[in-house]
Amino acid sequence: MFATIYLPNFYLQAATRHQPPLRTKPMALIDEKEAKARIIQLNEAAEKAGVRKGMTPSQGLARCLKLVIKTRSHSQEKLIDEILLQHAFTLAPYVEATAPGLCTIQFGRQPSRLSGQTGFQPVTIDGQDPRLPRQAGCLSSAVKVSRVIEQLAECEITAQAGIAHLPDASYLAARLARPVLQIDDAKKFLAPLPIETLAIALS
């Protein structure tokens, strides 16, 4: 069984983590290190106002005068990723740092992917191994993951999670979760989804 924890709009979350009042306003993110600044991420309010990825800040402001332009915070991105991994390791000792703002956890026995090349490696944070002993009790995976999502929220981090028998299915479930979605029958879950949604798992 796998769980994927996904932080939507990761870069934008990092840039505005300690600015809750901004979350309801149209926001867009740029990377100031790029030669020509373009919007790389935006929230739902900005999208509804007609702002799109790839626009320049001036083009975004032309669509929405109330648009708040933020720049990436690399230090906050690193910190949030570390917090994410620390919480993931409270669920199981096998955690993959899949991508920025995204991690995959395997419950149960040692992952078969550990033989040879694999992403399921002991991850160190500040030079230390954050893996913790298994907690006593028989709480379901969904309950445990839900608690982690709540704990992340207390850290001002918005997260959602998916649980499934395969990592790709758990990732797709995480993208659709509000905030936790467990898939017991992948075929039944995937059958009615449009191709555009399924393409998320391959992106």
C-alpha atoms as a PDB file:
ATOM      1  CA  MET A   1       0.000   0.000   0.000  1.00  0.00           C
ATOM      2  CA  PHE A   2       1.254   3.463  -0.908  1.00  0.00           C
ATOM      3  CA  ALA A   3       0.407   6.965   0.198  1.00  0.00           C
ATOM      4  CA  THR A   4       1.298  10.144  -1.644  1.00  0.00           C
ATOM      5  CA  ILE A   5       1.295  13.512   0.088  1.00  0.00           C
ATOM      6  CA  TYR A   6       0.943  16.403  -2.336  1.00  0.00           C
ATOM      7  CA  LEU A   7       1.314  20.105  -1.595  1.00  0.00           C
ATOM      8  CA  PRO A   8      -0.747  21.979  -4.222  1.00  0.00           C
ATOM      9  CA  ASN A   9       0.827  25.135  -5.636  1.00  0.00           C
ATOM     10  CA  PHE A  10       3.982  24.256  -3.733  1.00  0.00           C
ATOM     11  CA  TYR A  11       6.114  27.194  -4.854  1.00  0.00           C
ATOM     12  CA  LEU A  12       3.313  29.681  -4.266  1.00  0.00           C
ATOM     13  CA  GLN A  13       2.637  28.158  -0.844  1.00  0.00           C
ATOM     14  CA  ALA A  14       6.277  28.598   0.089  1.00  0.00           C
ATOM     15  CA  ALA A  15       6.300  32.236  -1.001  1.00  0.00           C
ATOM     16  CA  THR A  16       3.197  33.102   1.029  1.00  0.00           C
ATOM     17  CA  ARG A  17       3.377  30.612   3.901  1.00  0.00           C
ATOM     18  CA  HIS A  18       3.223  33.208   6.676  1.00  0.00           C
ATOM     19  CA  GLN A  19       0.830  35.551   4.873  1.00  0.00           C
ATOM     20  CA  PRO A  20      -2.640  33.960   5.312  1.00  0.00           C
ATOM     21  CA  PRO A  21      -4.577  37.111   4.251  1.00  0.00           C
ATOM     22  CA  LEU A  22      -3.121  36.786   0.745  1.00  0.00           C
ATOM     23  CA  ARG A  23      -4.565  33.315   0.158  1.00  0.00           C
ATOM     24  CA  THR A  24      -7.999  34.602  -0.830  1.00  0.00           C
ATOM     25  CA  LYS A  25      -6.593  37.186  -3.237  1.00  0.00           C
ATOM     26  CA  PRO A  26      -5.569  36.566  -6.854  1.00  0.00           C
ATOM     27  CA  MET A  27      -1.886  35.625  -6.730  1.00  0.00           C
ATOM     28  CA  ALA A  28       0.767  34.681  -9.225  1.00  0.00           C
ATOM     29  CA  LEU A  29       4.360  33.593  -8.797  1.00  0.00           C
ATOM     30  CA  ILE A  30       7.443  34.458 -10.820  1.00  0.00           C
ATOM     31  CA  ASP A  31      11.063  33.304 -10.622  1.00  0.00           C
ATOM     32  CA  GLU A  32      13.171  36.438 -10.424  1.00  0.00           C
ATOM     33  CA  LYS A  33      16.258  34.457 -11.466  1.00  0.00           C
ATOM     34  CA  GLU A  34      14.844  33.918 -14.944  1.00  0.00           C
ATOM     35  CA  ALA A  35      16.052  36.253 -17.664  1.00  0.00           C
ATOM     36  CA  LYS A  36      12.487  37.176 -18.535  1.00  0.00           C
ATOM     37  CA  ALA A  37      10.037  36.878 -15.662  1.00  0.00           C
ATOM     38  CA  ARG A  38       6.923  34.873 -16.440  1.00  0.00           C
ATOM     39  CA  ILE A  39       4.170  33.498 -14.242  1.00  0.00           C
ATOM     40  CA  ILE A  40       5.053  29.946 -13.226  1.00  0.00           C
ATOM     41  CA  GLN A  41       2.254  29.295 -10.743  1.00  0.00           C
ATOM     42  CA  LEU A  42      -1.036  30.919  -9.740  1.00  0.00           C
ATOM     43  CA  ASN A  43      -3.938  30.289  -7.431  1.00  0.00           C
ATOM     44  CA  GLU A  44      -7.569  29.598  -8.315  1.00  0.00           C
ATOM     45  CA  ALA A  45      -8.646  33.211  -7.797  1.00  0.00           C
ATOM     46  CA  ALA A  46      -6.083  34.414 -10.337  1.00  0.00           C
ATOM     47  CA  GLU A  47      -7.080  31.716 -12.818  1.00  0.00           C
ATOM     48  CA  LYS A  48     -10.742  32.698 -12.533  1.00  0.00           C
ATOM     49  CA  ALA A  49      -9.706  36.285 -13.276  1.00  0.00           C
ATOM     50  CA  GLY A  50      -8.176  35.185 -16.583  1.00  0.00           C
ATOM     51  CA  VAL A  51      -4.517  35.012 -15.582  1.00  0.00           C
ATOM     52  CA  ARG A  52      -2.555  32.124 -17.094  1.00  0.00           C
ATOM     53  CA  LYS A  53       0.834  30.473 -16.666  1.00  0.00           C
ATOM     54  CA  GLY A  54       3.457  31.809 -19.052  1.00  0.00           C
ATOM     55  CA  MET A  55       2.151  35.377 -18.958  1.00  0.00           C
ATOM     56  CA  THR A  56       4.458  38.206 -17.988  1.00  0.00           C
ATOM     57  CA  PRO A  57       3.578  40.093 -14.793  1.00  0.00           C
ATOM     58  CA  SER A  58       2.296  43.030 -16.857  1.00  0.00           C
ATOM     59  CA  GLN A  59       0.069  40.731 -18.902  1.00  0.00           C
ATOM     60  CA  GLY A  60      -1.268  39.219 -15.695  1.00  0.00           C
ATOM     61  CA  LEU A  61      -1.996  42.635 -14.228  1.00  0.00           C
ATOM     62  CA  ALA A  62      -3.761  43.611 -17.454  1.00  0.00           C
ATOM     63  CA  ARG A  63      -6.152  40.715 -16.851  1.00  0.00           C
ATOM     64  CA  CYS A  64      -6.516  41.426 -13.129  1.00  0.00           C
ATOM     65  CA  LEU A  65      -5.514  44.737 -11.561  1.00  0.00           C
ATOM     66  CA  LYS A  66      -5.753  43.216  -8.067  1.00  0.00           C
ATOM     67  CA  LEU A  67      -3.271  40.469  -8.928  1.00  0.00           C
ATOM     68  CA  VAL A  68      -0.566  40.029  -6.280  1.00  0.00           C
ATOM     69  CA  ILE A  69       2.804  39.136  -7.819  1.00  0.00           C
ATOM     70  CA  LYS A  70       5.153  37.139  -5.584  1.00  0.00           C
ATOM     71  CA  THR A  71       8.681  35.856  -6.178  1.00  0.00           C
ATOM     72  CA  ARG A  72       9.949  32.380  -5.307  1.00  0.00           C
ATOM     73  CA  SER A  73      11.326  31.817  -1.808  1.00  0.00           C
ATOM     74  CA  HIS A  74      13.941  29.092  -2.187  1.00  0.00           C
ATOM     75  CA  SER A  75      14.684  29.022   1.538  1.00  0.00           C
ATOM     76  CA  GLN A  76      11.021  28.427   2.390  1.00  0.00           C
ATOM     77  CA  GLU A  77      10.738  25.769  -0.314  1.00  0.00           C
ATOM     78  CA  LYS A  78      13.620  23.842   1.254  1.00  0.00           C
ATOM     79  CA  LEU A  79      12.154  24.237   4.741  1.00  0.00           C
ATOM     80  CA  ILE A  80       8.677  23.068   3.727  1.00  0.00           C
ATOM     81  CA  ASP A  81      10.119  20.040   1.939  1.00  0.00           C
ATOM     82  CA  GLU A  82      12.019  19.124   5.108  1.00  0.00           C
ATOM     83  CA  ILE A  83       8.862  19.486   7.221  1.00  0.00           C
ATOM     84  CA  LEU A  84       6.965  17.328   4.727  1.00  0.00           C
ATOM     85  CA  LEU A  85       9.558  14.549   4.916  1.00  0.00           C
ATOM     86  CA  GLN A  86       9.725  14.689   8.702  1.00  0.00           C
ATOM     87  CA  HIS A  87       5.971  14.134   8.890  1.00  0.00           C
ATOM     88  CA  ALA A  88       6.052  11.432   6.197  1.00  0.00           C
ATOM     89  CA  PHE A  89       8.594   9.429   8.190  1.00  0.00           C
ATOM     90  CA  THR A  90       6.153   9.242  11.110  1.00  0.00           C
ATOM     91  CA  LEU A  91       3.980   7.037   8.865  1.00  0.00           C
ATOM     92  CA  ALA A  92       6.565   4.505   7.645  1.00  0.00           C
ATOM     93  CA  PRO A  93      10.341   4.136   7.266  1.00  0.00           C
ATOM     94  CA  TYR A  94      10.195   3.934   3.460  1.00  0.00           C
ATOM     95  CA  VAL A  95       9.751   7.402   1.993  1.00  0.00           C
ATOM     96  CA  GLU A  96      10.575   8.755  -1.452  1.00  0.00           C
ATOM     97  CA  ALA A  97      11.164  12.467  -1.960  1.00  0.00           C
ATOM     98  CA  THR A  98       9.386  12.261  -5.318  1.00  0.00           C
ATOM     99  CA  ALA A  99       9.470  15.936  -6.298  1.00  0.00           C
ATOM    100  CA  PRO A 100       9.348  19.351  -4.632  1.00  0.00           C
ATOM    101  CA  GLY A 101       6.229  19.362  -2.477  1.00  0.00           C
ATOM    102  CA  LEU A 102       5.570  15.694  -3.175  1.00  0.00           C
ATOM    103  CA  CYS A 103       6.519  12.503  -1.361  1.00  0.00           C
ATOM    104  CA  THR A 104       5.524   8.850  -1.606  1.00  0.00           C
ATOM    105  CA  ILE A 105       5.309   6.486   1.354  1.00  0.00           C
ATOM    106  CA  GLN A 106       5.206   2.690   1.231  1.00  0.00           C
ATOM    107  CA  PHE A 107       3.544   0.905   4.120  1.00  0.00           C
ATOM    108  CA  GLY A 108       4.329  -2.634   5.200  1.00  0.00           C
ATOM    109  CA  ARG A 109       7.284  -4.724   4.156  1.00  0.00           C
ATOM    110  CA  GLN A 110      10.515  -3.461   2.667  1.00  0.00           C
ATOM    111  CA  PRO A 111       9.884  -2.082  -0.832  1.00  0.00           C
ATOM    112  CA  SER A 112      11.023  -4.366  -3.643  1.00  0.00           C
ATOM    113  CA  ARG A 113      12.335  -1.226  -5.365  1.00  0.00           C
ATOM    114  CA  LEU A 114      15.017  -1.023  -2.683  1.00  0.00           C
ATOM    115  CA  SER A 115      17.013  -3.621  -4.616  1.00  0.00           C
ATOM    116  CA  GLY A 116      19.020  -1.721  -7.174  1.00  0.00           C
ATOM    117  CA  GLN A 117      18.076   1.822  -8.117  1.00  0.00           C
ATOM    118  CA  THR A 118      15.200   3.334  -6.196  1.00  0.00           C
ATOM    119  CA  GLY A 119      13.862   6.536  -4.802  1.00  0.00           C
ATOM    120  CA  PHE A 120      12.941   4.855  -1.511  1.00  0.00           C
ATOM    121  CA  GLN A 121      16.145   5.740   0.270  1.00  0.00           C
ATOM    122  CA  PRO A 122      16.735   6.838   3.861  1.00  0.00           C
ATOM    123  CA  VAL A 123      16.531  10.633   3.494  1.00  0.00           C
ATOM    124  CA  THR A 124      18.622  12.757   5.822  1.00  0.00           C
ATOM    125  CA  ILE A 125      17.505  16.139   7.066  1.00  0.00           C
ATOM    126  CA  ASP A 126      20.227  18.452   8.365  1.00  0.00           C
ATOM    127  CA  GLY A 127      22.528  15.449   8.396  1.00  0.00           C
ATOM    128  CA  GLN A 128      20.260  13.311  10.563  1.00  0.00           C
ATOM    129  CA  ASP A 129      18.059  10.316   9.783  1.00  0.00           C
ATOM    130  CA  PRO A 130      14.485  11.379  10.648  1.00  0.00           C
ATOM    131  CA  ARG A 131      13.014   7.867  10.562  1.00  0.00           C
ATOM    132  CA  LEU A 132      11.071   7.045  13.675  1.00  0.00           C
ATOM    133  CA  PRO A 133      10.087   3.699  15.264  1.00  0.00           C
ATOM    134  CA  ARG A 134       6.711   2.348  14.306  1.00  0.00           C
ATOM    135  CA  GLN A 135       4.001   3.688  16.550  1.00  0.00           C
ATOM    136  CA  ALA A 136       1.946   1.254  18.580  1.00  0.00           C
ATOM    137  CA  GLY A 137      -1.670   0.659  17.672  1.00  0.00           C
ATOM    138  CA  CYS A 138      -3.600  -0.471  14.668  1.00  0.00           C
ATOM    139  CA  LEU A 139      -4.952   2.761  13.264  1.00  0.00           C
ATOM    140  CA  SER A 140      -5.827   2.543   9.592  1.00  0.00           C
ATOM    141  CA  SER A 141      -3.509   4.136   7.049  1.00  0.00           C
ATOM    142  CA  ALA A 142      -6.201   6.670   6.155  1.00  0.00           C
ATOM    143  CA  VAL A 143      -6.554   7.818   9.772  1.00  0.00           C
ATOM    144  CA  LYS A 144      -2.790   8.142  10.180  1.00  0.00           C
ATOM    145  CA  VAL A 145      -2.411  10.058   6.925  1.00  0.00           C
ATOM    146  CA  SER A 146      -5.321  12.344   7.859  1.00  0.00           C
ATOM    147  CA  ARG A 147      -3.558  13.193  11.101  1.00  0.00           C
ATOM    148  CA  VAL A 148      -0.404  14.118   9.186  1.00  0.00           C
ATOM    149  CA  ILE A 149      -2.427  16.391   6.905  1.00  0.00           C
ATOM    150  CA  GLU A 150      -3.842  18.091  10.002  1.00  0.00           C
ATOM    151  CA  GLN A 151      -0.378  18.430  11.505  1.00  0.00           C
ATOM    152  CA  LEU A 152       0.911  20.030   8.306  1.00  0.00           C
ATOM    153  CA  ALA A 153      -2.011  22.470   8.404  1.00  0.00           C
ATOM    154  CA  GLU A 154      -0.871  23.488  11.891  1.00  0.00           C
ATOM    155  CA  CYS A 155       2.478  24.328  10.264  1.00  0.00           C
ATOM    156  CA  GLU A 156       0.628  26.578   7.772  1.00  0.00           C
ATOM    157  CA  ILE A 157       1.114  24.046   4.982  1.00  0.00           C
ATOM    158  CA  THR A 158      -1.827  22.957   2.821  1.00  0.00           C
ATOM    159  CA  ALA A 159      -1.584  19.300   1.847  1.00  0.00           C
ATOM    160  CA  GLN A 160      -3.715  16.543   0.400  1.00  0.00           C
ATOM    161  CA  ALA A 161      -3.067  12.830   0.202  1.00  0.00           C
ATOM    162  CA  GLY A 162      -4.010   9.728  -1.736  1.00  0.00           C
ATOM    163  CA  ILE A 163      -3.759   6.093  -0.680  1.00  0.00           C
ATOM    164  CA  ALA A 164      -3.752   3.160  -3.107  1.00  0.00           C
ATOM    165  CA  HIS A 165      -2.092  -0.165  -3.884  1.00  0.00           C
ATOM    166  CA  LEU A 166       0.149   1.402  -6.560  1.00  0.00           C
ATOM    167  CA  PRO A 167       2.221   4.603  -6.311  1.00  0.00           C
ATOM    168  CA  ASP A 168       0.867   6.135  -9.547  1.00  0.00           C
ATOM    169  CA  ALA A 169      -2.701   5.587  -8.364  1.00  0.00           C
ATOM    170  CA  SER A 170      -1.910   7.104  -4.970  1.00  0.00           C
ATOM    171  CA  TYR A 171      -0.455  10.163  -6.717  1.00  0.00           C
ATOM    172  CA  LEU A 172      -3.549  10.637  -8.845  1.00  0.00           C
ATOM    173  CA  ALA A 173      -5.744  10.191  -5.776  1.00  0.00           C
ATOM    174  CA  ALA A 174      -3.691  12.831  -3.953  1.00  0.00           C
ATOM    175  CA  ARG A 175      -4.261  15.304  -6.780  1.00  0.00           C
ATOM    176  CA  LEU A 176      -8.025  14.742  -6.504  1.00  0.00           C
ATOM    177  CA  ALA A 177      -8.255  14.406  -2.713  1.00  0.00           C
ATOM    178  CA  ARG A 178     -10.086  16.888  -0.458  1.00  0.00           C
ATOM    179  CA  PRO A 179      -8.002  16.337   1.612  1.00  0.00           C
ATOM    180  CA  VAL A 180      -7.538  12.523   1.809  1.00  0.00           C
ATOM    181  CA  LEU A 181      -8.738   9.945  -0.705  1.00  0.00           C
ATOM    182  CA  GLN A 182      -8.217   6.188  -0.442  1.00  0.00           C
ATOM    183  CA  ILE A 183      -8.632   3.989  -3.511  1.00  0.00           C
ATOM    184  CA  ASP A 184      -9.426   0.327  -2.895  1.00  0.00           C
ATOM    185  CA  ASP A 185     -10.299  -0.572  -6.499  1.00  0.00           C
ATOM    186  CA  ALA A 186      -8.053   1.302  -8.914  1.00  0.00           C
ATOM    187  CA  LYS A 187      -9.837   0.119 -12.070  1.00  0.00           C
ATOM    188  CA  LYS A 188     -13.234   1.213 -10.756  1.00  0.00           C
ATOM    189  CA  PHE A 189     -11.789   4.561  -9.704  1.00  0.00           C
ATOM    190  CA  LEU A 190      -9.948   5.247 -12.969  1.00  0.00           C
ATOM    191  CA  ALA A 191     -12.677   4.095 -15.396  1.00  0.00           C
ATOM    192  CA  PRO A 192     -14.881   7.238 -15.339  1.00  0.00           C
ATOM    193  CA  LEU A 193     -12.011   9.746 -15.282  1.00  0.00           C
ATOM    194  CA  PRO A 194     -11.325  11.801 -18.436  1.00  0.00           C
ATOM    195  CA  ILE A 195      -8.030  11.426 -20.285  1.00  0.00           C
ATOM    196  CA  GLU A 196      -6.970  14.917 -19.159  1.00  0.00           C
ATOM    197  CA  THR A 197      -7.194  13.838 -15.530  1.00  0.00           C
ATOM    198  CA  LEU A 198      -5.365  10.581 -16.128  1.00  0.00           C
ATOM    199  CA  ALA A 199      -2.571  12.515 -17.857  1.00  0.00           C
ATOM    200  CA  ILE A 200      -1.779  14.107 -14.492  1.00  0.00           C
ATOM    201  CA  ALA A 201      -0.243  10.824 -13.335  1.00  0.00           C
ATOM    202  CA  LEU A 202       2.159  10.894 -16.252  1.00  0.00           C
ATOM    203  CA  SER A 203       3.202  14.551 -15.886  1.00  0.00           C
END
